Amino acid sequence: MQDLVGPAIGTLALVAVGGYLLGS
């Protein structure tokens, strides 16, 4: 279960940054 935490956070971070850049 903890093995998925890293990739999940990385994906959320990329989506958040991507959405922020597209929104700005």
PDB file of N, CA and C in Angstrom:
ATOM      1  N   MET A   1       0.843  -1.200   0.000  1.00  0.00           N
ATOM      2  CA  MET A   1       0.000   0.000   0.000  1.00  0.00           C
ATOM      3  C   MET A   1       0.879   1.251   0.000  1.00  0.00           C
ATOM      4  N   GLN A   2       1.906   1.255   0.840  1.00  0.00           N
ATOM      5  CA  GLN A   2       2.782   2.432   0.922  1.00  0.00           C
ATOM      6  C   GLN A   2       3.595   2.614  -0.358  1.00  0.00           C
ATOM      7  N   ASP A   3       3.742   1.539  -1.133  1.00  0.00           N
ATOM      8  CA  ASP A   3       4.507   1.623  -2.384  1.00  0.00           C
ATOM      9  C   ASP A   3       3.799   2.528  -3.393  1.00  0.00           C
ATOM     10  N   LEU A   4       2.478   2.728  -3.194  1.00  0.00           N
ATOM     11  CA  LEU A   4       1.702   3.548  -4.129  1.00  0.00           C
ATOM     12  C   LEU A   4       1.678   5.007  -3.716  1.00  0.00           C
ATOM     13  N   VAL A   5       2.088   5.278  -2.484  1.00  0.00           N
ATOM     14  CA  VAL A   5       2.030   6.657  -1.976  1.00  0.00           C
ATOM     15  C   VAL A   5       2.929   7.578  -2.780  1.00  0.00           C
ATOM     16  N   GLY A   6       4.153   7.180  -3.047  1.00  0.00           N
ATOM     17  CA  GLY A   6       5.104   8.017  -3.781  1.00  0.00           C
ATOM     18  C   GLY A   6       4.591   8.397  -5.160  1.00  0.00           C
ATOM     19  N   PRO A   7       4.292   7.398  -6.014  1.00  0.00           N
ATOM     20  CA  PRO A   7       3.778   7.670  -7.356  1.00  0.00           C
ATOM     21  C   PRO A   7       2.481   8.481  -7.326  1.00  0.00           C
ATOM     22  N   ALA A   8       1.621   8.219  -6.367  1.00  0.00           N
ATOM     23  CA  ALA A   8       0.348   8.938  -6.280  1.00  0.00           C
ATOM     24  C   ALA A   8       0.597  10.416  -6.009  1.00  0.00           C
ATOM     25  N   ILE A   9       1.499  10.708  -5.073  1.00  0.00           N
ATOM     26  CA  ILE A   9       1.821  12.108  -4.744  1.00  0.00           C
ATOM     27  C   ILE A   9       2.486  12.777  -5.940  1.00  0.00           C
ATOM     28  N   GLY A  10       3.354  12.051  -6.614  1.00  0.00           N
ATOM     29  CA  GLY A  10       4.038  12.601  -7.787  1.00  0.00           C
ATOM     30  C   GLY A  10       3.047  12.952  -8.876  1.00  0.00           C
ATOM     31  N   THR A  11       2.074  12.053  -9.111  1.00  0.00           N
ATOM     32  CA  THR A  11       1.065  12.299 -10.142  1.00  0.00           C
ATOM     33  C   THR A  11       0.207  13.496  -9.769  1.00  0.00           C
ATOM     34  N   LEU A  12      -0.231  13.549  -8.510  1.00  0.00           N
ATOM     35  CA  LEU A  12      -1.054  14.678  -8.057  1.00  0.00           C
ATOM     36  C   LEU A  12      -0.288  15.983  -8.181  1.00  0.00           C
ATOM     37  N   ALA A  13       0.998  15.940  -7.875  1.00  0.00           N
ATOM     38  CA  ALA A  13       1.819  17.151  -7.975  1.00  0.00           C
ATOM     39  C   ALA A  13       1.911  17.616  -9.428  1.00  0.00           C
ATOM     40  N   LEU A  14       2.137  16.671 -10.346  1.00  0.00           N
ATOM     41  CA  LEU A  14       2.235  17.035 -11.767  1.00  0.00           C
ATOM     42  C   LEU A  14       0.913  17.612 -12.261  1.00  0.00           C
ATOM     43  N   VAL A  15      -0.203  17.001 -11.871  1.00  0.00           N
ATOM     44  CA  VAL A  15      -1.523  17.481 -12.281  1.00  0.00           C
ATOM     45  C   VAL A  15      -1.790  18.865 -11.707  1.00  0.00           C
ATOM     46  N   ALA A  16      -1.421  19.059 -10.438  1.00  0.00           N
ATOM     47  CA  ALA A  16      -1.640  20.356  -9.784  1.00  0.00           C
ATOM     48  C   ALA A  16      -0.822  21.446 -10.463  1.00  0.00           C
ATOM     49  N   VAL A  17       0.460  21.155 -10.727  1.00  0.00           N
ATOM     50  CA  VAL A  17       1.336  22.135 -11.384  1.00  0.00           C
ATOM     51  C   VAL A  17       0.857  22.401 -12.805  1.00  0.00           C
ATOM     52  N   GLY A  18       0.497  21.349 -13.519  1.00  0.00           N
ATOM     53  CA  GLY A  18       0.009  21.498 -14.892  1.00  0.00           C
ATOM     54  C   GLY A  18      -1.264  22.336 -14.933  1.00  0.00           C
ATOM     55  N   GLY A  19      -2.182  22.053 -14.033  1.00  0.00           N
ATOM     56  CA  GLY A  19      -3.430  22.809 -13.985  1.00  0.00           C
ATOM     57  C   GLY A  19      -3.179  24.260 -13.610  1.00  0.00           C
ATOM     58  N   TYR A  20      -2.237  24.490 -12.728  1.00  0.00           N
ATOM     59  CA  TYR A  20      -1.898  25.866 -12.311  1.00  0.00           C
ATOM     60  C   TYR A  20      -1.313  26.649 -13.488  1.00  0.00           C
ATOM     61  N   LEU A  21      -0.416  25.987 -14.231  1.00  0.00           N
ATOM     62  CA  LEU A  21       0.216  26.664 -15.373  1.00  0.00           C
ATOM     63  C   LEU A  21      -0.816  26.941 -16.462  1.00  0.00           C
ATOM     64  N   LEU A  22      -1.712  25.998 -16.696  1.00  0.00           N
ATOM     65  CA  LEU A  22      -2.733  26.187 -17.735  1.00  0.00           C
ATOM     66  C   LEU A  22      -3.737  27.250 -17.312  1.00  0.00           C
ATOM     67  N   GLY A  23      -3.980  27.341 -15.999  1.00  0.00           N
ATOM     68  CA  GLY A  23      -4.976  28.291 -15.506  1.00  0.00           C
ATOM     69  C   GLY A  23      -4.438  29.713 -15.413  1.00  0.00           C
ATOM     70  N   SER A  24      -3.108  29.846 -15.392  1.00  0.00           N
ATOM     71  CA  SER A  24      -2.549  31.184 -15.183  1.00  0.00           C
ATOM     72  C   SER A  24      -2.283  31.933 -16.463  1.00  0.00           C
TER      73      SER A  24
END
